[in-house]
Protein backbone atom coordinates (compact mmCIF):
# COMPACT_ATOMS: atom_id res chain seq x y z
CA MET A 1 98.28 -4.72 -25.28
CA ASN A 2 97.25 -4.12 -28.88
CA GLU A 3 99.04 -1.08 -30.33
CA GLN A 4 96.81 -0.54 -33.37
CA THR A 5 94.71 2.62 -33.36
CA GLU A 6 92.58 2.32 -36.51
CA LEU A 7 89.15 0.81 -35.99
CA THR A 8 88.32 -2.39 -37.84
CA PRO A 9 86.15 -2.17 -40.98
CA VAL A 10 83.33 -3.91 -39.13
CA GLU A 11 83.18 -0.99 -36.68
CA GLY A 12 82.56 1.35 -39.60
CA ILE A 13 79.85 -0.91 -40.97
CA LYS A 14 78.05 -0.90 -37.62
CA GLN A 15 78.43 2.86 -37.26
CA ARG A 16 76.89 3.50 -40.70
CA SER A 17 74.18 0.85 -40.35
CA ASP A 18 71.43 2.95 -38.76
CA PHE A 19 71.10 0.48 -35.92
CA LEU A 20 71.61 -2.67 -38.00
CA ARG A 21 69.44 -1.75 -40.99
CA GLY A 22 72.16 -1.16 -43.55
CA THR A 23 70.90 -1.97 -47.02
CA ILE A 24 69.53 -5.40 -46.14
CA VAL A 25 66.12 -4.61 -47.67
CA GLU A 26 67.78 -3.63 -50.94
CA SER A 27 70.02 -6.71 -50.87
CA LEU A 28 67.01 -8.97 -50.46
CA ALA A 29 65.32 -7.32 -53.45
CA ASP A 30 68.32 -7.84 -55.74
CA ASN A 31 67.36 -10.92 -57.76
CA ALA A 32 70.50 -10.83 -59.91
CA THR A 33 72.55 -12.62 -57.26
CA GLY A 34 72.10 -15.09 -54.43
CA THR A 35 74.28 -12.99 -52.13
CA LEU A 36 73.89 -9.92 -49.97
CA ALA A 37 75.93 -6.75 -50.36
CA ASP A 38 79.29 -6.99 -48.59
CA ASP A 39 78.39 -4.74 -45.64
CA ASP A 40 75.07 -6.51 -45.22
CA THR A 41 76.81 -9.87 -44.81
CA GLN A 42 78.25 -8.46 -41.58
CA LEU A 43 74.99 -6.90 -40.39
CA SER A 44 73.01 -10.05 -41.18
CA LYS A 45 74.73 -11.82 -38.29
CA PHE A 46 72.96 -9.54 -35.81
CA HIS A 47 69.70 -10.69 -37.38
CA GLY A 48 70.65 -14.31 -36.83
CA PHE A 49 72.07 -15.62 -40.09
CA TYR A 50 75.32 -16.10 -42.00
CA GLN A 51 75.93 -16.14 -45.73
CA GLN A 52 77.64 -19.36 -46.80
CA ASP A 53 78.26 -21.43 -49.90
CA ASP A 54 78.74 -25.11 -50.67
CA ARG A 55 82.51 -25.46 -50.72
CA ASP A 56 82.24 -28.94 -52.20
CA GLN A 57 80.92 -27.23 -55.35
CA ARG A 58 83.22 -24.22 -55.48
CA ALA A 59 85.81 -25.48 -57.95
CA GLU A 60 83.26 -26.89 -60.39
CA ARG A 61 81.13 -23.74 -60.29
CA ALA A 62 84.20 -21.57 -60.80
CA ARG A 63 85.17 -23.72 -63.79
CA ARG A 64 81.71 -23.09 -65.24
CA LYS A 65 82.06 -19.36 -64.48
CA LEU A 66 79.16 -19.44 -62.02
CA GLU A 67 79.05 -17.63 -58.72
CA PRO A 68 79.43 -19.86 -55.65
CA ASP A 69 76.37 -21.88 -54.60
CA HIS A 70 75.29 -19.39 -51.94
CA SER A 71 72.81 -20.14 -49.20
CA PHE A 72 72.30 -19.04 -45.61
CA MET A 73 72.61 -20.58 -42.17
CA ILE A 74 69.91 -19.30 -39.81
CA ARG A 75 70.29 -19.67 -36.05
CA VAL A 76 67.32 -19.58 -33.67
CA ARG A 77 67.65 -18.31 -30.10
CA VAL A 78 66.31 -20.77 -27.53
CA PRO A 79 67.26 -19.40 -24.08
CA GLY A 80 67.99 -22.31 -21.78
CA GLY A 81 67.26 -24.71 -24.64
CA ILE A 82 63.53 -25.21 -23.96
CA ALA A 83 61.05 -25.43 -26.86
CA THR A 84 57.40 -26.47 -26.86
CA ALA A 85 56.16 -29.35 -28.97
CA ALA A 86 54.43 -26.81 -31.23
CA GLN A 87 57.72 -24.95 -31.65
CA TRP A 88 59.50 -28.19 -32.49
CA LEU A 89 56.93 -28.87 -35.20
CA ALA A 90 57.39 -25.35 -36.54
CA MET A 91 61.17 -25.83 -36.70
CA ASP A 92 60.65 -29.20 -38.40
CA SER A 93 58.36 -27.63 -40.98
CA ILE A 94 60.86 -24.88 -41.75
CA ALA A 95 63.69 -27.41 -42.07
CA SER A 96 61.65 -29.51 -44.46
CA THR A 97 60.28 -26.61 -46.51
CA TYR A 98 63.06 -24.05 -46.74
CA ALA A 99 66.28 -25.66 -45.48
CA ASN A 100 68.11 -28.92 -46.20
CA ASN A 101 65.64 -31.18 -44.38
CA THR A 102 67.76 -31.36 -41.24
CA LEU A 103 67.72 -29.62 -37.88
CA ARG A 104 71.17 -28.84 -36.48
CA LEU A 105 71.41 -28.56 -32.70
CA THR A 106 74.23 -26.26 -31.62
CA THR A 107 76.58 -26.42 -28.65
CA ARG A 108 74.77 -23.33 -27.31
CA GLN A 109 71.36 -25.04 -27.14
CA ALA A 110 70.01 -23.41 -30.29
CA PHE A 111 68.51 -24.58 -33.59
CA GLN A 112 70.33 -24.01 -36.87
CA PHE A 113 68.96 -24.27 -40.40
CA HIS A 114 71.30 -24.79 -43.32
CA GLY A 115 70.75 -24.28 -47.03
CA VAL A 116 68.15 -21.50 -46.95
CA ILE A 117 68.32 -19.48 -50.18
CA LYS A 118 68.07 -15.69 -50.26
CA ARG A 119 64.54 -15.41 -51.63
CA GLU A 120 63.28 -17.58 -48.74
CA LEU A 121 65.06 -15.69 -45.93
CA LYS A 122 62.19 -13.40 -45.01
CA THR A 123 59.59 -16.15 -45.12
CA THR A 124 61.76 -18.38 -42.97
CA ILE A 125 62.59 -15.77 -40.33
CA SER A 126 58.98 -14.59 -40.09
CA GLY A 127 57.91 -18.23 -39.69
CA ILE A 128 60.34 -18.66 -36.81
CA ASN A 129 58.85 -15.59 -35.13
CA GLU A 130 55.34 -16.94 -35.60
CA SER A 131 56.37 -19.86 -33.40
CA LEU A 132 57.29 -17.33 -30.65
CA LEU A 133 61.00 -17.92 -31.15
CA ASP A 134 63.32 -15.49 -32.92
CA THR A 135 66.75 -15.10 -34.50
CA ILE A 136 67.76 -11.62 -33.34
CA ALA A 137 71.15 -11.64 -31.60
CA ALA A 138 71.67 -15.32 -32.29
CA CYS A 139 74.92 -14.17 -33.95
CA GLY A 140 76.82 -10.87 -34.17
CA ASP A 141 78.63 -8.59 -31.73
CA VAL A 142 76.05 -8.93 -28.96
CA ASN A 143 75.14 -11.34 -26.22
CA ARG A 144 74.23 -14.68 -27.79
CA ASN A 145 71.92 -17.49 -26.65
CA VAL A 146 72.08 -17.74 -22.85
CA MET A 147 72.89 -21.29 -21.82
CA CYS A 148 71.45 -23.12 -18.83
CA THR A 149 70.82 -26.66 -17.64
CA PRO A 150 67.57 -27.39 -19.53
CA LEU A 151 65.92 -29.92 -17.23
CA THR A 152 64.22 -27.47 -14.89
CA GLU A 153 62.11 -30.17 -13.23
CA LYS A 154 65.09 -31.54 -11.31
CA SER A 155 64.57 -29.03 -8.51
CA ALA A 156 63.38 -25.56 -7.60
CA ILE A 157 66.99 -24.43 -8.04
CA HIS A 158 67.00 -25.62 -11.64
CA GLN A 159 63.76 -23.75 -12.29
CA ALA A 160 65.14 -20.56 -10.74
CA ALA A 161 68.32 -20.84 -12.79
CA TYR A 162 66.31 -21.19 -16.00
CA LEU A 163 64.24 -18.13 -15.11
CA ALA A 164 67.47 -16.22 -14.51
CA ALA A 165 68.71 -17.26 -17.96
CA ASN A 166 65.52 -15.94 -19.54
CA THR A 167 65.74 -12.70 -17.58
CA ILE A 168 69.30 -12.11 -18.77
CA SER A 169 68.39 -13.00 -22.36
CA GLU A 170 65.48 -10.56 -22.48
CA HIS A 171 67.44 -7.81 -20.74
CA LEU A 172 70.33 -8.02 -23.21
CA THR A 173 68.29 -8.37 -26.41
CA PRO A 174 69.10 -5.49 -28.78
CA ASN A 175 66.56 -2.68 -28.66
CA THR A 176 66.65 -1.68 -32.34
CA SER A 177 63.40 -1.95 -34.26
CA ALA A 178 65.29 -2.84 -37.45
CA TYR A 179 64.67 -6.56 -36.99
CA HIS A 180 60.90 -6.14 -36.80
CA GLU A 181 60.84 -3.74 -39.73
CA ILE A 182 62.87 -5.92 -42.08
CA TRP A 183 61.50 -9.36 -41.27
CA LEU A 184 58.06 -8.75 -39.73
CA ASP A 185 56.87 -5.77 -41.81
CA LYS A 186 56.51 -3.41 -38.87
CA LYS A 187 56.48 0.19 -40.07
CA ARG A 188 59.07 2.64 -38.85
CA VAL A 189 57.38 5.61 -37.21
CA ALA A 190 58.38 8.92 -38.80
CA ASP A 191 60.99 10.84 -36.79
CA SER A 192 61.41 7.91 -34.39
CA ARG A 193 64.89 7.22 -33.10
CA ASP A 194 66.35 3.92 -32.07
CA ASP A 195 68.15 3.72 -28.76
CA GLU A 196 70.52 1.07 -27.46
CA PRO A 197 71.04 1.97 -23.80
CA ILE A 198 73.15 -1.13 -23.14
CA TYR A 199 75.00 -1.67 -26.41
CA GLY A 200 75.25 1.82 -27.93
CA PRO A 201 75.17 2.45 -31.70
CA THR A 202 78.14 0.18 -32.50
CA TYR A 203 77.22 -2.66 -30.15
CA LEU A 204 80.08 -4.77 -28.71
CA PRO A 205 83.58 -5.17 -30.13
CA ARG A 206 82.94 -8.89 -30.56
CA LYS A 207 80.50 -11.68 -29.63
CA PHE A 208 79.59 -12.25 -25.98
CA LYS A 209 78.53 -15.50 -24.33
CA ILE A 210 76.77 -16.20 -21.03
CA GLY A 211 75.99 -19.47 -19.25
CA ILE A 212 74.47 -20.68 -15.99
CA ALA A 213 75.48 -23.95 -14.31
CA ILE A 214 74.18 -25.82 -11.28
CA PRO A 215 76.84 -27.83 -9.43
CA PRO A 216 77.77 -30.62 -9.34
CA SER A 217 77.09 -30.61 -13.12
CA ASN A 218 79.11 -28.37 -15.42
CA ASP A 219 77.10 -29.40 -18.46
CA VAL A 220 77.32 -25.95 -20.11
CA ASP A 221 81.13 -25.65 -19.80
CA ILE A 222 80.81 -22.62 -17.58
CA PHE A 223 84.48 -21.65 -17.75
CA SER A 224 84.32 -21.19 -21.52
CA GLN A 225 81.89 -18.26 -21.23
CA ASP A 226 82.60 -14.51 -21.23
CA LEU A 227 80.31 -14.29 -18.22
CA SER A 228 78.90 -17.12 -16.17
CA PHE A 229 76.83 -17.71 -13.08
CA ILE A 230 77.37 -20.74 -10.84
CA ALA A 231 74.32 -21.57 -8.71
CA ILE A 232 74.94 -21.80 -4.98
CA GLU A 233 72.43 -23.69 -2.91
CA LYS A 234 71.99 -24.43 0.75
CA ASP A 235 69.49 -26.93 2.13
CA GLY A 236 67.61 -26.98 -1.17
CA ASP A 237 67.34 -23.20 -1.52
CA LEU A 238 69.09 -21.08 -4.14
CA LEU A 239 71.21 -18.50 -2.31
CA GLY A 240 72.44 -16.83 -5.47
CA PHE A 241 75.31 -17.21 -7.92
CA ASN A 242 79.06 -17.06 -8.01
CA VAL A 243 80.11 -14.81 -10.89
CA ALA A 244 82.90 -15.80 -13.30
CA VAL A 245 84.32 -13.71 -16.14
CA GLY A 246 86.79 -13.92 -18.98
CA GLY A 247 86.33 -17.34 -20.53
CA GLY A 248 86.69 -17.79 -24.26
CA MET A 249 87.68 -20.56 -26.66
CA GLY A 250 88.79 -18.86 -29.85
CA MET A 251 92.38 -18.57 -31.08
CA THR A 252 94.26 -18.33 -34.38
CA HIS A 253 96.84 -20.83 -35.59
CA GLY A 254 100.36 -19.43 -35.48
CA GLU A 255 99.40 -16.31 -33.52
CA PRO A 256 100.40 -16.85 -29.87
CA GLU A 257 98.86 -13.54 -28.85
CA THR A 258 95.50 -15.27 -29.37
CA TYR A 259 94.59 -18.08 -27.00
CA PRO A 260 91.77 -19.90 -25.20
CA ARG A 261 91.16 -18.90 -21.59
CA VAL A 262 89.15 -20.23 -18.67
CA ALA A 263 87.02 -17.82 -16.66
CA ASP A 264 87.97 -16.41 -13.25
CA VAL A 265 85.48 -16.55 -10.37
CA ILE A 266 85.30 -13.02 -8.93
CA GLY A 267 82.52 -13.04 -6.33
CA PHE A 268 78.95 -13.84 -5.37
CA CYS A 269 75.64 -12.07 -5.97
CA GLU A 270 72.05 -12.71 -5.00
CA THR A 271 69.69 -13.96 -7.69
CA LYS A 272 67.88 -10.62 -7.99
CA TYR A 273 71.08 -9.00 -9.25
CA VAL A 274 72.00 -11.29 -12.16
CA ALA A 275 70.60 -9.00 -14.87
CA GLU A 276 72.37 -6.00 -13.36
CA VAL A 277 75.68 -7.87 -13.23
CA ALA A 278 75.24 -8.98 -16.84
CA GLU A 279 74.45 -5.45 -18.00
CA LYS A 280 77.40 -3.88 -16.22
CA VAL A 281 79.87 -6.49 -17.47
CA VAL A 282 78.60 -6.01 -21.02
CA LYS A 283 78.95 -2.23 -20.68
CA ILE A 284 82.55 -2.53 -19.46
CA GLN A 285 83.35 -4.63 -22.50
CA ARG A 286 81.49 -2.18 -24.73
CA ASP A 287 83.57 0.72 -23.46
CA HIS A 288 86.96 -0.94 -23.02
CA GLY A 289 87.07 -3.86 -25.45
CA ASP A 290 89.46 -3.67 -28.40
CA ARG A 291 87.76 -2.30 -31.53
CA THR A 292 90.99 -2.16 -33.55
CA ASN A 293 91.61 -5.93 -33.84
CA ARG A 294 88.76 -8.44 -33.90
CA LYS A 295 91.14 -11.25 -32.98
CA HIS A 296 91.82 -9.36 -29.75
CA ALA A 297 88.29 -8.16 -29.06
CA ARG A 298 86.82 -10.67 -26.60
CA LEU A 299 86.41 -9.92 -22.89
CA LYS A 300 89.26 -12.30 -22.01
CA TYR A 301 91.76 -9.96 -23.67
CA THR A 302 90.27 -6.88 -22.01
CA ILE A 303 90.79 -8.56 -18.64
CA ASP A 304 94.28 -9.81 -19.40
CA ASP A 305 95.38 -6.45 -20.84
CA ARG A 306 94.10 -4.38 -17.92
CA GLY A 307 94.25 -6.91 -15.12
CA LEU A 308 91.64 -8.79 -13.16
CA ASP A 309 91.92 -6.34 -10.24
CA TRP A 310 91.09 -3.46 -12.60
CA PHE A 311 88.09 -5.34 -13.95
CA GLN A 312 86.75 -6.19 -10.49
CA SER A 313 87.11 -2.63 -9.20
CA THR A 314 85.55 -1.17 -12.37
CA LEU A 315 82.62 -3.55 -12.11
CA GLN A 316 82.12 -2.83 -8.41
CA GLU A 317 82.02 0.92 -9.08
CA GLN A 318 79.11 0.42 -11.45
CA LEU A 319 77.05 -2.03 -9.38
CA SER A 320 74.33 -0.89 -6.97
CA PHE A 321 75.38 -3.57 -4.47
CA GLU A 322 78.61 -5.13 -3.28
CA LEU A 323 79.90 -8.37 -4.70
CA ILE A 324 80.94 -10.53 -1.77
CA PRO A 325 83.55 -13.31 -1.85
CA ALA A 326 82.63 -16.39 -3.85
CA LYS A 327 81.04 -19.27 -1.99
CA PRO A 328 82.27 -22.89 -2.08
CA TYR A 329 81.07 -25.15 -4.89
CA GLN A 330 82.24 -28.32 -6.63
CA PHE A 331 81.78 -29.63 -10.15
CA LEU A 332 81.94 -33.40 -10.40
CA PHE A 333 80.87 -34.15 -13.97
CA ARG A 334 79.61 -32.75 -17.26
CA GLY A 335 77.81 -34.26 -20.20
CA ASP A 336 74.30 -35.63 -20.52
CA GLU A 337 72.62 -38.41 -18.59
CA PHE A 338 71.02 -40.59 -21.26
CA GLY A 339 67.84 -42.58 -20.86
CA TRP A 340 64.74 -42.20 -18.75
CA GLN A 341 64.61 -40.01 -15.62
CA GLU A 342 61.62 -39.51 -13.32
CA ASP A 343 61.11 -36.18 -11.58
CA GLN A 344 59.62 -35.45 -8.17
CA HIS A 345 56.15 -34.99 -9.69
CA GLY A 346 56.07 -38.40 -11.39
CA ASP A 347 56.67 -37.13 -14.91
CA TRP A 348 59.36 -38.64 -17.11
CA HIS A 349 62.16 -37.17 -19.20
CA LEU A 350 64.03 -39.04 -21.91
CA THR A 351 67.49 -37.91 -23.02
CA LEU A 352 68.41 -39.15 -26.48
CA PHE A 353 71.72 -39.13 -28.30
CA VAL A 354 71.69 -37.08 -31.51
CA PRO A 355 74.67 -37.97 -33.72
CA GLU A 356 76.78 -34.85 -34.21
CA GLY A 357 73.73 -32.78 -33.25
CA ARG A 358 72.13 -33.37 -36.66
CA VAL A 359 68.45 -34.34 -36.49
CA GLN A 360 67.79 -36.02 -39.81
CA ASP A 361 66.44 -39.08 -41.53
CA LEU A 362 69.42 -41.17 -42.52
CA GLY A 363 68.87 -44.72 -43.74
CA ARG A 364 66.93 -46.72 -41.18
CA HIS A 365 67.62 -44.15 -38.46
CA ARG A 366 64.82 -41.64 -39.07
CA MET A 367 65.21 -39.26 -36.16
CA LEU A 368 63.60 -36.25 -37.83
CA SER A 369 60.45 -38.27 -38.57
CA ALA A 370 60.44 -39.80 -35.09
CA PHE A 371 60.56 -36.45 -33.32
CA ARG A 372 57.92 -35.07 -35.68
CA GLN A 373 55.49 -37.84 -34.78
CA ILE A 374 56.29 -37.55 -31.08
CA ALA A 375 55.74 -33.77 -31.15
CA ARG A 376 52.27 -34.33 -32.59
CA VAL A 377 51.18 -36.31 -29.53
CA HIS A 378 53.52 -34.98 -26.86
CA THR A 379 52.06 -32.65 -24.23
CA GLY A 380 55.40 -31.64 -22.76
CA THR A 381 58.46 -29.92 -24.20
CA PHE A 382 61.70 -30.60 -26.05
CA ARG A 383 64.96 -29.59 -24.39
CA LEU A 384 68.19 -28.94 -26.28
CA THR A 385 71.33 -29.73 -24.33
CA SER A 386 74.70 -28.01 -24.67
CA ASN A 387 76.06 -31.37 -25.85
CA GLN A 388 73.84 -31.34 -28.96
CA ASN A 389 71.33 -33.87 -27.67
CA VAL A 390 67.56 -33.77 -27.05
CA ILE A 391 65.48 -34.36 -23.94
CA ILE A 392 61.84 -35.23 -24.56
CA SER A 393 60.52 -33.72 -21.36
CA GLY A 394 57.35 -33.90 -19.30
CA ILE A 395 56.16 -37.33 -20.43
CA ALA A 396 53.26 -38.77 -18.47
CA SER A 397 53.62 -42.40 -17.35
CA THR A 398 50.77 -43.30 -19.66
CA GLN A 399 52.71 -41.99 -22.67
CA LYS A 400 56.03 -43.77 -22.06
CA GLN A 401 55.04 -46.87 -23.99
CA LEU A 402 53.85 -44.81 -26.98
CA ILE A 403 57.09 -42.80 -27.05
CA ASN A 404 59.15 -45.98 -26.93
CA ARG A 405 57.14 -47.54 -29.77
CA LEU A 406 57.59 -44.49 -31.98
CA LEU A 407 61.33 -44.36 -31.35
CA GLU A 408 61.70 -48.06 -32.09
CA TYR A 409 59.61 -47.80 -35.27
CA TYR A 410 61.82 -45.04 -36.65
CA GLY A 411 65.07 -46.70 -35.64
CA VAL A 412 66.11 -44.14 -33.04
CA THR A 413 66.60 -46.63 -30.22
CA ALA A 414 69.41 -48.31 -32.17
CA LEU A 415 71.39 -45.08 -32.05
CA GLN A 416 71.57 -45.21 -28.28
CA ALA A 417 73.87 -48.25 -28.40
CA VAL A 418 76.89 -46.27 -29.63
CA SER A 419 80.03 -46.12 -27.51
CA PRO A 420 80.48 -43.80 -24.52
CA LEU A 421 83.16 -41.93 -26.48
CA ARG A 422 80.79 -41.21 -29.37
CA GLN A 423 77.88 -40.29 -27.13
CA HIS A 424 79.83 -37.52 -25.44
CA ALA A 425 81.82 -36.28 -28.45
CA LEU A 426 81.18 -32.83 -29.94
CA ALA A 427 81.82 -31.44 -33.42
CA CYS A 428 81.20 -28.16 -35.18
CA VAL A 429 79.60 -28.12 -38.64
CA ALA A 430 82.81 -27.23 -40.54
CA LEU A 431 82.86 -28.30 -44.21
CA PRO A 432 81.17 -27.93 -46.59
CA THR A 433 79.26 -24.83 -45.48
CA CYS A 434 81.32 -22.96 -42.87
CA GLY A 435 83.53 -20.41 -44.57
CA LEU A 436 86.10 -20.56 -41.76
CA ALA A 437 86.62 -24.33 -41.79
CA MET A 438 90.08 -25.62 -42.67
CA ALA A 439 89.25 -29.30 -42.21
CA GLU A 440 86.32 -31.66 -41.67
CA ALA A 441 84.60 -31.98 -38.29
CA GLU A 442 80.95 -33.08 -38.25
CA ARG A 443 81.30 -35.36 -41.28
CA TYR A 444 84.55 -36.85 -39.96
CA LEU A 445 83.58 -37.43 -36.32
CA PRO A 446 81.84 -40.84 -36.77
CA GLU A 447 84.88 -42.31 -38.52
CA LEU A 448 87.31 -40.75 -36.05
CA ALA A 449 85.34 -41.97 -33.03
CA ASN A 450 85.15 -45.50 -34.43
CA ASN A 451 88.92 -45.58 -34.96
CA ILE A 452 89.61 -44.29 -31.46
CA ASP A 453 87.12 -46.79 -30.02
CA GLU A 454 89.14 -49.60 -31.59
CA LEU A 455 92.22 -48.34 -29.76
CA LEU A 456 90.31 -48.13 -26.49
CA ILE A 457 89.00 -51.68 -26.89
CA ARG A 458 92.51 -52.94 -27.66
CA ASN A 459 93.67 -51.51 -24.34
CA GLY A 460 90.64 -52.61 -22.31
CA ILE A 461 89.47 -49.08 -21.53
CA GLU A 462 86.48 -48.80 -23.87
CA ASN A 463 84.14 -47.75 -21.04
CA GLU A 464 86.37 -44.87 -19.97
CA PRO A 465 84.29 -41.63 -20.06
CA LEU A 466 86.62 -39.71 -22.39
CA SER A 467 85.72 -36.32 -23.81
CA LEU A 468 86.51 -35.98 -27.53
CA ARG A 469 85.91 -32.80 -29.51
CA ILE A 470 86.74 -31.79 -33.07
CA THR A 471 86.50 -28.47 -34.86
CA GLY A 472 87.27 -27.49 -38.42
CA CYS A 473 89.13 -24.34 -37.36
CA PRO A 474 90.62 -22.86 -34.17
CA ASN A 475 87.62 -20.63 -33.33
CA GLY A 476 86.45 -23.22 -30.83
CA CYS A 477 82.70 -23.55 -31.48
CA ALA A 478 82.64 -27.07 -29.98
CA ARG A 479 84.77 -25.91 -27.02
CA PRO A 480 87.70 -28.19 -27.98
CA TYR A 481 90.25 -26.67 -25.62
CA LEU A 482 88.38 -28.07 -22.60
CA ALA A 483 88.38 -31.67 -23.89
CA GLU A 484 90.62 -34.52 -22.86
CA ILE A 485 91.25 -35.16 -26.57
CA ALA A 486 90.68 -32.48 -29.20
CA LEU A 487 91.40 -32.11 -32.90
CA VAL A 488 91.47 -28.58 -34.28
CA GLY A 489 91.46 -28.23 -38.06
CA LYS A 490 94.67 -27.00 -39.64
CA ALA A 491 94.28 -27.99 -43.32
CA PRO A 492 92.32 -30.62 -45.28
CA GLY A 493 92.92 -33.90 -43.47
CA ARG A 494 95.31 -32.32 -40.96
CA TYR A 495 94.77 -31.19 -37.38
CA SER A 496 96.48 -29.84 -34.30
CA LEU A 497 96.14 -32.39 -31.50
CA PHE A 498 95.35 -31.17 -27.98
CA LEU A 499 95.44 -33.41 -24.90
CA GLY A 500 95.02 -33.12 -21.15
CA GLY A 501 91.84 -31.27 -20.35
CA ASP A 502 90.12 -32.43 -17.18
CA GLY A 503 86.82 -34.26 -16.89
CA VAL A 504 84.74 -31.33 -15.63
CA GLY A 505 85.83 -28.47 -17.88
CA LYS A 506 87.97 -26.44 -15.46
CA ARG A 507 91.38 -26.95 -17.10
CA LEU A 508 92.57 -26.20 -20.61
CA ASN A 509 94.30 -28.93 -22.59
CA ARG A 510 97.53 -28.21 -24.46
CA MET A 511 98.70 -28.73 -28.02
CA THR A 512 100.97 -31.77 -28.21
CA HIS A 513 101.32 -31.99 -31.98
CA GLU A 514 100.66 -29.55 -34.80
CA ASN A 515 99.56 -30.32 -38.35
CA VAL A 516 99.23 -34.11 -38.06
CA ASP A 517 97.09 -36.46 -40.14
CA GLU A 518 94.81 -39.29 -39.05
CA GLY A 519 97.50 -41.95 -39.06
CA GLU A 520 99.77 -39.87 -36.86
CA ILE A 521 96.92 -38.97 -34.51
CA LEU A 522 95.91 -42.60 -34.02
CA SER A 523 99.51 -43.65 -33.46
CA ILE A 524 99.94 -40.92 -30.85
CA LEU A 525 96.72 -41.86 -29.06
CA SER A 526 97.54 -45.57 -29.19
CA GLN A 527 100.75 -45.01 -27.27
CA TRP A 528 99.05 -42.78 -24.73
CA PHE A 529 96.21 -45.29 -24.20
CA GLU A 530 98.66 -48.13 -23.69
CA LYS A 531 100.58 -46.12 -21.13
CA PHE A 532 97.35 -44.97 -19.43
CA ALA A 533 95.98 -48.52 -19.15
CA LYS A 534 99.18 -49.72 -17.49
CA GLU A 535 100.19 -46.78 -15.30
CA ARG A 536 97.07 -44.87 -14.26
CA ILE A 537 96.36 -44.47 -10.59
CA GLU A 538 92.97 -45.43 -9.14
CA ASN A 539 90.05 -43.41 -10.54
CA GLU A 540 92.38 -41.22 -12.60
CA SER A 541 90.89 -39.87 -15.83
CA PHE A 542 92.77 -39.92 -19.10
CA GLY A 543 93.06 -36.14 -19.16
CA ASP A 544 94.40 -36.05 -15.63
CA PHE A 545 96.88 -38.79 -16.50
CA VAL A 546 98.25 -36.82 -19.43
CA HIS A 547 98.36 -33.64 -17.38
CA ARG A 548 100.14 -35.37 -14.50
CA HIS A 549 102.84 -36.77 -16.68
CA GLU A 550 103.40 -33.46 -18.47
CA LEU A 551 105.01 -35.32 -21.33
CA ARG A 552 105.54 -34.18 -24.84
CA LEU A 553 104.22 -36.81 -27.16
CA THR A 554 107.73 -37.61 -28.43
CA GLU A 555 108.65 -38.82 -24.94
CA VAL A 556 106.21 -41.72 -25.15
CA GLN A 557 107.10 -42.80 -28.67
């Protein structure tokens, strides 16, 4: 239990902000600097963007006595990851006009723009809203983008789950009118008062994440979420959802009181109650979460400090119905199914690999241009997966040939030939823009995956469906602690190595080595792969093999 009593500075900023207004308008009008005022850099997150700078240029700019090369990352909410073709074109236009000519797909099924400068913030955010998407609550101490399996056409259950995700997202969207006033020029009515019946005037102690999964696929890593709903079906009908609470990936190096945690399943509710459950869980965290230490402020710590029994009884007291015992379910896999899929109505859906989630034109692989041309003729939608890939969805049989021709012309089809390891690997953005990054992630993943692939080929296990994840810091944006192999940034060129997660995202891995470089990592993995190839039991995954042996890495050297 945290013994501090003084509230964090961020709590004061929220309290003084007048429901997230702060002095953002004044900061935007200050042309003497490319930054926002200090307090506004915290409030801006609730509006969907972070202030960043190009860390590759820091030293040179400091030498020249210039302020850092500031710009902003803007995140767009896309509940369930579904965007229309028109919305895709709008995001493409914004990326090309105001950002760095790339679209970044996040591990929470959202769009991110990088490199937007301060004087273009308002134009960019208003343009996003014109496309009927928005950025409010994409970041900050509120519920973030609600995740859900995006291919709703698979079944009526998938469609119902997506509708539930949208219902939760709308219900938990902040109520303040500050967003519309600042970015969309809506006038504040005299003597009007904002009200946040769910969040209150200081919102949550920390960020909050929700996901919905449909067994047997755990494609959204349901046990990493603060709150999650697991669809339960019987004879093709959706009965409702098992409820799980207390997942979270973040930790801090060298501070054992911070840690990743997998969620606990606490009961079952009917579909009509999902918004109520979400609201009550959020309110418990609002009232009981730690506001004195942001490293201890997620729901997982509230539950561990007070006990799961306390949380369940407190939740039950607030609900209008009774949670009943959880129903049986089974997850068998996670990850995306690449290639063409036909649905029950005869329409087609094409899942494409997006390297490191970065949609861009790079050499002969011109993915940004390919998707732009497809969106101009496509009558269906684009789906963002939680694994940073894209599904071109709702393709008529008569359009398949055209889509294939466009992809081939722009060199996208060649990208689909990468190894299974690379196709399922995840990376956060990290350097050069993320201020928290300690090491490379996105820029390093292709090289790392190629080196690991060589080791797999050497041991004859190159087709093994391994999960590899890399992050530039321990905050866990790419959910590394649920991977079979994970690198978590420690310092430039150095990582903590985690091994032994399972194949479906139910078990945490463990740190086997701290502060190791690439050569050490590859040596460690080489020895494990050799042992795995020789000693695995039938159908055993690499993560399960490591977990079963419960060996420290030194024992296999």
